[in-house]
Amino acid sequence: MSAISRDEVAHLAHLARLDVTDDELDRFASQLDVILQSVNRIGEVTAEDIPPTSHAVPLTNVYRADEPVPSLRREDVLAGAPDTDSDRFRVPRILGEEE
């Protein structure tokens, strides 16, 4: 039995506002059926004796230490800006905002 029908694919395409042809509906139904059957097979695996994990292997913190370091001078940073105003970057106004 199919996990998903052609009509269900057409309904999903309509909800997603996708314009799909009849050939695409048949092809997508077939492809989605394979995917859904594969997902269902994973659910059949007996894993009651396996503890839940978020990763297959243990992870360690890969971040560097958060230590303050000297930064660029404000003048050097603003020197590359196309436009500045009062020691800040000046950018175009975003639509809909008022001054």
Protein backbone atom coordinates (compact mmCIF):
# COMPACT_ATOMS: atom_id res chain seq x y z
CA MET A 1 0.00 0.00 0.00
CA SER A 2 1.22 3.50 -0.81
CA ALA A 3 2.09 5.80 2.05
CA ILE A 4 0.87 8.83 0.06
CA SER A 5 -1.60 9.15 -2.77
CA ARG A 6 -1.53 11.32 -5.87
CA ASP A 7 -4.47 13.32 -4.46
CA GLU A 8 -2.59 13.97 -1.23
CA VAL A 9 0.41 15.23 -3.22
CA ALA A 10 -1.91 17.49 -5.22
CA HIS A 11 -3.38 18.80 -1.95
CA LEU A 12 0.11 19.46 -0.53
CA ALA A 13 1.14 21.22 -3.75
CA HIS A 14 -2.00 23.39 -3.53
CA LEU A 15 -1.25 24.29 0.10
CA ALA A 16 2.33 25.18 -0.84
CA ARG A 17 1.03 27.17 -3.80
CA LEU A 18 3.05 25.04 -6.23
CA ASP A 19 1.88 24.71 -9.81
CA VAL A 20 2.68 21.12 -10.74
CA THR A 21 1.77 19.15 -13.84
CA ASP A 22 0.02 15.78 -13.87
CA ASP A 23 3.32 14.09 -14.74
CA GLU A 24 5.00 15.81 -11.79
CA LEU A 25 2.19 14.74 -9.45
CA ASP A 26 2.75 11.09 -10.43
CA ARG A 27 6.52 11.40 -10.09
CA PHE A 28 6.35 13.27 -6.76
CA ALA A 29 3.83 10.78 -5.36
CA SER A 30 6.18 7.93 -6.23
CA GLN A 31 9.22 9.70 -4.77
CA LEU A 32 7.43 10.76 -1.58
CA ASP A 33 6.09 7.24 -1.17
CA VAL A 34 9.65 5.86 -1.17
CA ILE A 35 10.71 8.48 1.38
CA LEU A 36 7.75 7.87 3.70
CA GLN A 37 8.18 4.09 3.54
CA SER A 38 11.85 4.50 4.45
CA VAL A 39 10.93 6.67 7.44
CA ASN A 40 8.34 4.09 8.53
CA ARG A 41 10.97 1.34 8.40
CA ILE A 42 13.16 3.33 10.81
CA GLY A 43 10.26 3.37 13.26
CA GLU A 44 10.14 -0.44 13.19
CA VAL A 45 13.63 -0.75 14.66
CA THR A 46 13.65 -2.14 18.18
CA ALA A 47 15.68 0.33 20.18
CA GLU A 48 14.28 0.07 23.67
CA ASP A 49 17.67 -1.00 25.06
CA ILE A 50 19.49 1.91 23.38
CA PRO A 51 19.62 5.13 25.43
CA PRO A 52 18.57 8.34 23.63
CA THR A 53 21.48 10.46 22.44
CA SER A 54 21.84 13.68 20.52
CA HIS A 55 25.06 12.57 18.79
CA ALA A 56 26.52 9.25 17.76
CA VAL A 57 29.89 10.11 19.30
CA PRO A 58 30.74 12.18 22.40
CA LEU A 59 31.40 15.85 21.70
CA THR A 60 33.69 18.26 23.47
CA ASN A 61 33.53 22.02 23.50
CA VAL A 62 35.17 23.22 20.31
CA TYR A 63 34.99 26.93 21.07
CA ARG A 64 38.02 28.99 21.91
CA ALA A 65 38.24 30.77 25.22
CA ASP A 66 36.35 34.06 25.32
CA GLU A 67 39.18 36.44 26.09
CA PRO A 68 39.25 40.15 25.29
CA VAL A 69 41.80 41.14 22.66
CA PRO A 70 42.71 44.51 21.19
CA SER A 71 40.28 45.68 18.56
CA LEU A 72 40.63 47.95 15.55
CA ARG A 73 40.56 51.68 16.16
CA ARG A 74 37.24 53.33 15.39
CA GLU A 75 38.91 55.59 12.81
CA ASP A 76 40.37 52.58 10.98
CA VAL A 77 37.02 50.80 10.87
CA LEU A 78 35.10 53.85 9.66
CA ALA A 79 37.77 54.65 7.05
CA GLY A 80 36.39 51.84 4.85
CA ALA A 81 32.73 52.87 5.20
CA PRO A 82 30.99 54.43 2.20
CA ASP A 83 29.20 56.92 4.50
CA THR A 84 29.47 57.82 8.21
CA ASP A 85 27.65 60.05 10.68
CA SER A 86 28.84 60.89 14.22
CA ASP A 87 31.39 58.05 14.41
CA ARG A 88 28.84 55.50 13.13
CA PHE A 89 28.12 53.73 9.87
CA ARG A 90 25.41 55.49 7.88
CA VAL A 91 23.09 53.14 5.99
CA PRO A 92 20.04 53.70 3.80
CA ARG A 93 16.72 53.98 5.61
CA ILE A 94 14.69 50.77 5.77
CA LEU A 95 11.33 50.92 4.00
CA GLY A 96 8.45 51.84 6.27
CA GLU A 97 10.54 53.44 9.01
CA GLU A 98 10.01 57.03 10.00
CA GLU A 99 12.74 59.40 11.06
